[in-house]
N, C-alpha and C. Protein backbone atom coordinates (compact mmCIF):
# COMPACT_ATOMS: atom_id res chain seq x y z
N MET A 1 46.01 21.73 190.89
CA MET A 1 47.10 21.75 189.96
C MET A 1 47.63 23.21 189.98
N SER A 2 48.92 23.35 190.11
CA SER A 2 49.45 24.70 190.12
C SER A 2 49.48 25.28 188.73
N ASP A 3 49.59 26.69 188.71
CA ASP A 3 49.60 27.38 187.46
C ASP A 3 50.83 27.03 186.63
N VAL A 4 52.01 26.81 187.34
CA VAL A 4 53.18 26.50 186.61
C VAL A 4 53.08 25.17 185.86
N VAL A 5 52.51 24.15 186.52
CA VAL A 5 52.30 22.83 185.92
C VAL A 5 51.34 22.96 184.77
N ALA A 6 50.28 23.72 184.95
CA ALA A 6 49.18 23.84 183.93
C ALA A 6 49.72 24.52 182.71
N ASN A 7 50.59 25.49 182.86
CA ASN A 7 51.11 26.30 181.65
C ASN A 7 52.33 25.71 181.10
N ALA A 8 52.90 24.64 181.72
CA ALA A 8 54.22 24.08 181.21
C ALA A 8 54.16 23.61 179.76
N PRO A 9 53.11 22.88 179.33
CA PRO A 9 53.11 22.49 177.95
C PRO A 9 52.93 23.68 176.96
N LEU A 10 52.27 24.72 177.41
CA LEU A 10 52.12 25.92 176.60
C LEU A 10 53.45 26.66 176.51
N LYS A 11 54.12 26.78 177.55
CA LYS A 11 55.48 27.46 177.52
C LYS A 11 56.43 26.63 176.63
N ARG A 12 56.36 25.33 176.74
CA ARG A 12 57.19 24.49 175.82
C ARG A 12 56.79 24.73 174.36
N ASN A 13 55.57 24.83 174.08
CA ASN A 13 55.12 25.16 172.71
C ASN A 13 55.60 26.45 172.22
N VAL A 14 55.71 27.48 173.07
CA VAL A 14 56.20 28.77 172.67
C VAL A 14 57.74 28.59 172.34
N GLY A 15 58.39 27.82 173.20
CA GLY A 15 59.80 27.59 172.90
C GLY A 15 60.04 26.89 171.59
N VAL A 16 59.28 25.83 171.34
CA VAL A 16 59.38 25.10 170.05
C VAL A 16 59.02 25.99 168.90
N ALA A 17 58.02 26.83 169.03
CA ALA A 17 57.65 27.72 167.95
C ALA A 17 58.72 28.77 167.72
N ALA A 18 59.37 29.18 168.79
CA ALA A 18 60.51 30.16 168.60
C ALA A 18 61.68 29.49 167.94
N LEU A 19 61.95 28.17 168.24
CA LEU A 19 63.03 27.48 167.53
C LEU A 19 62.65 27.28 166.05
N ALA A 20 61.40 26.99 165.76
CA ALA A 20 60.95 26.90 164.38
C ALA A 20 61.17 28.20 163.61
N LEU A 21 60.81 29.29 164.34
CA LEU A 21 61.05 30.61 163.69
C LEU A 21 62.54 30.89 163.51
N LEU A 22 63.40 30.51 164.41
CA LEU A 22 64.80 30.63 164.26
C LEU A 22 65.33 29.86 163.10
N ALA A 23 64.88 28.54 162.95
CA ALA A 23 65.35 27.75 161.91
C ALA A 23 64.82 28.27 160.56
N SER A 24 63.56 28.79 160.53
CA SER A 24 63.06 29.36 159.28
C SER A 24 63.75 30.62 158.87
N THR A 25 64.27 31.41 159.80
CA THR A 25 65.04 32.65 159.36
C THR A 25 66.31 32.25 158.71
N GLY A 26 66.85 31.04 158.98
CA GLY A 26 67.97 30.59 158.23
C GLY A 26 67.65 30.41 156.78
N THR A 27 66.43 30.09 156.45
CA THR A 27 66.04 29.99 155.01
C THR A 27 66.02 31.36 154.34
N LEU A 28 65.61 32.35 155.14
CA LEU A 28 65.64 33.76 154.61
C LEU A 28 67.12 34.24 154.40
N VAL A 29 67.95 33.89 155.29
CA VAL A 29 69.34 34.38 155.22
C VAL A 29 70.06 33.66 154.15
N CYS A 30 69.75 32.43 153.94
CA CYS A 30 70.50 31.66 152.93
C CYS A 30 70.01 32.00 151.54
N CYS A 31 68.80 32.33 151.35
CA CYS A 31 68.31 32.41 149.94
C CYS A 31 67.65 33.75 149.59
N VAL A 32 66.94 34.34 150.51
CA VAL A 32 66.21 35.60 150.20
C VAL A 32 67.16 36.78 150.25
N LEU A 33 67.94 36.86 151.34
CA LEU A 33 68.85 38.00 151.48
C LEU A 33 69.76 38.20 150.28
N PRO A 34 70.48 37.18 149.86
CA PRO A 34 71.40 37.43 148.65
C PRO A 34 70.59 37.84 147.42
N ALA A 35 69.46 37.20 147.20
CA ALA A 35 68.71 37.50 145.94
C ALA A 35 68.21 38.96 145.97
N VAL A 36 67.69 39.38 147.13
CA VAL A 36 67.16 40.71 147.29
C VAL A 36 68.30 41.77 147.11
N MET A 37 69.46 41.50 147.72
CA MET A 37 70.55 42.40 147.66
C MET A 37 71.05 42.56 146.28
N VAL A 38 71.19 41.48 145.55
CA VAL A 38 71.62 41.57 144.14
C VAL A 38 70.57 42.23 143.31
N ALA A 39 69.30 41.97 143.51
CA ALA A 39 68.23 42.61 142.75
C ALA A 39 68.20 44.12 142.98
N LEU A 40 68.52 44.56 144.13
CA LEU A 40 68.61 45.98 144.53
C LEU A 40 69.87 46.64 144.10
N GLY A 41 70.77 45.94 143.48
CA GLY A 41 72.02 46.49 143.06
C GLY A 41 73.07 46.61 144.14
N ALA A 42 72.88 45.76 145.16
CA ALA A 42 73.80 45.82 146.30
C ALA A 42 74.75 44.67 146.30
N GLY A 43 75.23 44.26 145.14
CA GLY A 43 76.15 43.11 145.00
C GLY A 43 77.44 43.31 145.76
N ALA A 44 77.94 44.56 145.76
CA ALA A 44 79.19 44.85 146.49
C ALA A 44 78.94 44.72 147.97
N ALA A 45 77.79 45.23 148.43
CA ALA A 45 77.42 45.06 149.85
C ALA A 45 77.31 43.60 150.27
N LEU A 46 76.76 42.80 149.32
CA LEU A 46 76.63 41.39 149.59
C LEU A 46 78.03 40.72 149.68
N ALA A 47 78.96 41.12 148.79
CA ALA A 47 80.32 40.62 148.85
C ALA A 47 80.96 40.99 150.17
N GLY A 48 80.78 42.18 150.60
CA GLY A 48 81.29 42.59 151.92
C GLY A 48 80.65 41.80 153.03
N LEU A 49 79.32 41.51 152.91
CA LEU A 49 78.67 40.78 154.00
C LEU A 49 79.22 39.35 154.00
N VAL A 50 79.42 38.77 152.85
CA VAL A 50 79.91 37.35 152.88
C VAL A 50 81.36 37.34 153.37
N THR A 51 82.08 38.39 153.11
CA THR A 51 83.44 38.41 153.61
C THR A 51 83.43 38.54 155.16
N ALA A 52 82.54 39.27 155.68
CA ALA A 52 82.44 39.41 157.18
C ALA A 52 81.84 38.25 157.76
N VAL A 53 80.90 37.59 157.12
CA VAL A 53 80.18 36.46 157.70
C VAL A 53 80.21 35.25 156.67
N PRO A 54 81.36 34.54 156.63
CA PRO A 54 81.50 33.46 155.62
C PRO A 54 80.54 32.35 155.79
N GLN A 55 79.89 32.21 156.94
CA GLN A 55 78.90 31.17 157.17
C GLN A 55 77.74 31.20 156.24
N LEU A 56 77.50 32.42 155.63
CA LEU A 56 76.39 32.58 154.65
C LEU A 56 76.63 31.70 153.48
N ILE A 57 77.91 31.44 153.11
CA ILE A 57 78.24 30.58 151.95
C ILE A 57 77.78 29.14 152.36
N TRP A 58 78.15 28.73 153.60
CA TRP A 58 77.78 27.38 153.97
C TRP A 58 76.24 27.18 153.95
N LEU A 59 75.51 28.20 154.43
CA LEU A 59 74.07 28.05 154.42
C LEU A 59 73.54 27.94 152.99
N SER A 60 74.11 28.65 152.08
CA SER A 60 73.65 28.62 150.69
C SER A 60 74.02 27.27 150.01
N GLU A 61 75.19 26.77 150.35
CA GLU A 61 75.59 25.48 149.82
C GLU A 61 74.82 24.32 150.35
N HIS A 62 74.32 24.41 151.57
CA HIS A 62 73.54 23.30 152.22
C HIS A 62 72.09 23.74 152.40
N LYS A 63 71.49 24.35 151.40
CA LYS A 63 70.12 24.86 151.59
C LYS A 63 69.14 23.66 151.79
N ALA A 64 69.42 22.55 151.21
CA ALA A 64 68.48 21.41 151.38
C ALA A 64 68.43 21.06 152.93
N LEU A 65 69.57 21.03 153.55
CA LEU A 65 69.64 20.78 154.99
C LEU A 65 68.94 21.88 155.78
N VAL A 66 69.19 23.09 155.40
CA VAL A 66 68.59 24.23 156.07
C VAL A 66 67.04 24.13 155.97
N PHE A 67 66.57 23.91 154.80
CA PHE A 67 65.10 23.81 154.58
C PHE A 67 64.52 22.53 155.22
N GLY A 68 65.23 21.47 155.18
CA GLY A 68 64.80 20.23 155.87
C GLY A 68 64.63 20.43 157.34
N THR A 69 65.67 21.07 157.97
CA THR A 69 65.65 21.34 159.40
C THR A 69 64.45 22.30 159.76
N ALA A 70 64.30 23.29 158.98
CA ALA A 70 63.24 24.30 159.19
C ALA A 70 61.87 23.59 159.07
N THR A 71 61.72 22.77 158.02
CA THR A 71 60.40 22.09 157.84
C THR A 71 60.07 21.16 158.96
N VAL A 72 61.08 20.35 159.42
CA VAL A 72 60.88 19.42 160.55
C VAL A 72 60.44 20.27 161.78
N MET A 73 61.20 21.30 162.07
CA MET A 73 60.87 22.10 163.25
C MET A 73 59.48 22.71 163.12
N LEU A 74 59.10 23.16 161.91
CA LEU A 74 57.79 23.71 161.64
C LEU A 74 56.78 22.70 161.89
N ALA A 75 56.96 21.50 161.35
CA ALA A 75 55.94 20.44 161.56
C ALA A 75 55.83 20.05 163.00
N LEU A 76 56.90 19.91 163.73
CA LEU A 76 56.92 19.58 165.10
C LEU A 76 56.15 20.68 165.92
N SER A 77 56.49 21.90 165.67
CA SER A 77 55.83 23.04 166.38
C SER A 77 54.37 23.04 166.05
N GLY A 78 54.06 22.85 164.77
CA GLY A 78 52.57 22.97 164.39
C GLY A 78 51.84 21.83 165.08
N ALA A 79 52.38 20.60 165.13
CA ALA A 79 51.70 19.47 165.81
C ALA A 79 51.54 19.77 167.29
N MET A 80 52.53 20.28 167.98
CA MET A 80 52.46 20.63 169.38
C MET A 80 51.45 21.76 169.63
N THR A 81 51.45 22.71 168.78
CA THR A 81 50.49 23.84 168.93
C THR A 81 49.11 23.34 168.72
N TRP A 82 48.88 22.47 167.72
CA TRP A 82 47.58 21.97 167.41
C TRP A 82 47.05 21.12 168.55
N ARG A 83 47.93 20.31 169.10
CA ARG A 83 47.52 19.44 170.26
C ARG A 83 47.28 20.27 171.54
N ALA A 84 47.97 21.33 171.72
CA ALA A 84 47.79 22.11 172.94
C ALA A 84 46.54 22.99 172.90
N ARG A 85 45.91 23.14 171.68
CA ARG A 85 44.78 23.96 171.58
C ARG A 85 43.62 23.52 172.44
N SER A 86 43.58 22.25 172.67
CA SER A 86 42.43 21.65 173.48
C SER A 86 42.81 21.36 174.93
N LEU A 87 44.00 21.66 175.29
CA LEU A 87 44.42 21.50 176.71
C LEU A 87 43.62 22.49 177.61
N PRO A 88 43.18 22.09 178.77
CA PRO A 88 42.46 22.96 179.59
C PRO A 88 43.39 24.09 180.21
N CYS A 89 42.86 25.26 180.31
CA CYS A 89 43.52 26.37 180.99
C CYS A 89 43.16 26.34 182.50
N PRO A 90 43.98 26.91 183.28
CA PRO A 90 43.61 26.90 184.77
C PRO A 90 42.31 27.71 185.04
N ALA A 91 41.70 27.43 186.18
CA ALA A 91 40.51 28.10 186.57
C ALA A 91 40.75 29.55 187.06
N ASP A 92 41.95 29.78 187.57
CA ASP A 92 42.27 31.16 188.06
C ASP A 92 42.27 32.09 186.83
N PRO A 93 41.53 33.22 186.97
CA PRO A 93 41.45 34.15 185.82
C PRO A 93 42.78 34.66 185.28
N ALA A 94 43.69 34.99 186.19
CA ALA A 94 45.04 35.47 185.71
C ALA A 94 45.80 34.37 185.05
N ALA A 95 45.77 33.16 185.56
CA ALA A 95 46.44 32.09 184.93
C ALA A 95 45.78 31.68 183.59
N ALA A 96 44.48 31.75 183.54
CA ALA A 96 43.75 31.50 182.29
C ALA A 96 44.09 32.50 181.24
N ALA A 97 44.27 33.78 181.59
CA ALA A 97 44.67 34.80 180.65
C ALA A 97 46.07 34.50 180.15
N ALA A 98 46.98 34.09 181.05
CA ALA A 98 48.33 33.81 180.64
C ALA A 98 48.36 32.54 179.68
N CYS A 99 47.50 31.66 180.01
CA CYS A 99 47.33 30.48 179.14
C CYS A 99 46.89 30.83 177.73
N ARG A 100 45.90 31.66 177.64
CA ARG A 100 45.39 32.08 176.32
C ARG A 100 46.42 32.87 175.57
N ARG A 101 47.17 33.73 176.32
CA ARG A 101 48.22 34.56 175.70
C ARG A 101 49.37 33.69 175.16
N LEU A 102 49.72 32.65 175.92
CA LEU A 102 50.78 31.72 175.43
C LEU A 102 50.34 31.00 174.15
N ARG A 103 49.07 30.61 174.13
CA ARG A 103 48.55 29.96 172.93
C ARG A 103 48.59 30.87 171.76
N ALA A 104 48.24 32.13 171.97
CA ALA A 104 48.25 33.10 170.85
C ALA A 104 49.64 33.34 170.35
N VAL A 105 50.61 33.49 171.31
CA VAL A 105 51.98 33.77 170.92
C VAL A 105 52.57 32.58 170.14
N SER A 106 52.24 31.34 170.54
CA SER A 106 52.70 30.14 169.88
C SER A 106 52.15 30.15 168.43
N ALA A 107 50.88 30.46 168.27
CA ALA A 107 50.31 30.46 166.90
C ALA A 107 50.88 31.55 166.06
N VAL A 108 51.04 32.76 166.59
CA VAL A 108 51.68 33.85 165.77
C VAL A 108 53.12 33.46 165.37
N LEU A 109 53.85 32.94 166.28
CA LEU A 109 55.21 32.58 165.99
C LEU A 109 55.26 31.49 164.85
N TRP A 110 54.35 30.54 164.97
CA TRP A 110 54.25 29.48 163.96
C TRP A 110 53.93 30.03 162.61
N TRP A 111 52.99 30.93 162.54
CA TRP A 111 52.60 31.52 161.18
C TRP A 111 53.78 32.36 160.60
N PHE A 112 54.47 33.12 161.45
CA PHE A 112 55.62 33.82 160.96
C PHE A 112 56.67 32.87 160.42
N ALA A 113 56.88 31.77 161.09
CA ALA A 113 57.85 30.77 160.67
C ALA A 113 57.42 30.20 159.32
N LEU A 114 56.11 29.91 159.18
CA LEU A 114 55.60 29.28 157.96
C LEU A 114 55.80 30.29 156.81
N VAL A 115 55.53 31.50 156.99
CA VAL A 115 55.71 32.53 155.95
C VAL A 115 57.18 32.62 155.60
N ALA A 116 58.07 32.60 156.55
CA ALA A 116 59.50 32.69 156.30
C ALA A 116 59.99 31.45 155.49
N VAL A 117 59.55 30.26 155.81
CA VAL A 117 59.98 29.04 155.07
C VAL A 117 59.36 29.14 153.65
N ALA A 118 58.11 29.59 153.51
CA ALA A 118 57.50 29.70 152.14
C ALA A 118 58.23 30.70 151.31
N THR A 119 58.60 31.84 151.90
CA THR A 119 59.33 32.87 151.16
C THR A 119 60.69 32.37 150.74
N GLY A 120 61.42 31.72 151.67
CA GLY A 120 62.71 31.18 151.42
C GLY A 120 62.62 30.15 150.32
N ALA A 121 61.68 29.24 150.38
CA ALA A 121 61.51 28.18 149.33
C ALA A 121 61.20 28.83 147.98
N ALA A 122 60.47 29.89 147.94
CA ALA A 122 60.13 30.50 146.69
C ALA A 122 61.45 31.09 146.05
N PHE A 123 62.23 31.70 146.88
CA PHE A 123 63.53 32.24 146.37
C PHE A 123 64.54 31.17 146.05
N ALA A 124 64.54 30.15 146.82
CA ALA A 124 65.58 29.09 146.64
C ALA A 124 65.26 28.10 145.50
N PHE A 125 63.97 27.72 145.38
CA PHE A 125 63.63 26.63 144.49
C PHE A 125 62.68 26.98 143.34
N VAL A 126 61.77 27.90 143.62
CA VAL A 126 60.73 28.21 142.57
C VAL A 126 61.31 29.25 141.58
N LEU A 127 61.76 30.41 142.09
CA LEU A 127 62.19 31.44 141.24
C LEU A 127 63.38 31.07 140.31
N PRO A 128 64.36 30.30 140.77
CA PRO A 128 65.40 29.85 139.82
C PRO A 128 64.88 29.01 138.71
N LYS A 129 63.89 28.22 138.92
CA LYS A 129 63.27 27.42 137.84
C LYS A 129 62.50 28.30 136.87
N LEU A 130 61.84 29.33 137.38
CA LEU A 130 61.11 30.26 136.49
C LEU A 130 62.05 31.09 135.69
N MET A 131 63.21 31.44 136.24
CA MET A 131 64.14 32.28 135.54
C MET A 131 64.97 31.54 134.44
N ALA A 132 65.00 30.19 134.58
CA ALA A 132 65.79 29.39 133.60
C ALA A 132 65.07 29.28 132.28
């Protein structure tokens, strides 16, 4: 079995983990960024940012869709990473090292994405309830 074929599922897992991280950063942009900017007294800067990037309003208005997408991507990535943990690595030492590195990168990306979604959820759903 060639190294390319052996590492293909792991490379796919890194790609899915990166997509989950990208989707989860949407939760940070929609909910954490505005709250932090206002809390730091940068409301005028936030107004300027929203003027320059009006898509931020759409993200905030559709936060359930943003969080739903991020959660689905996170679950898919987590399942693929969990399944790939028991796949065999190639016998070649260099390919085996690349295999282990890809597994580690996938896991790190997944954890970053999980932290991003949890932080975004706290700012979007938990803190507003506590402040009310």
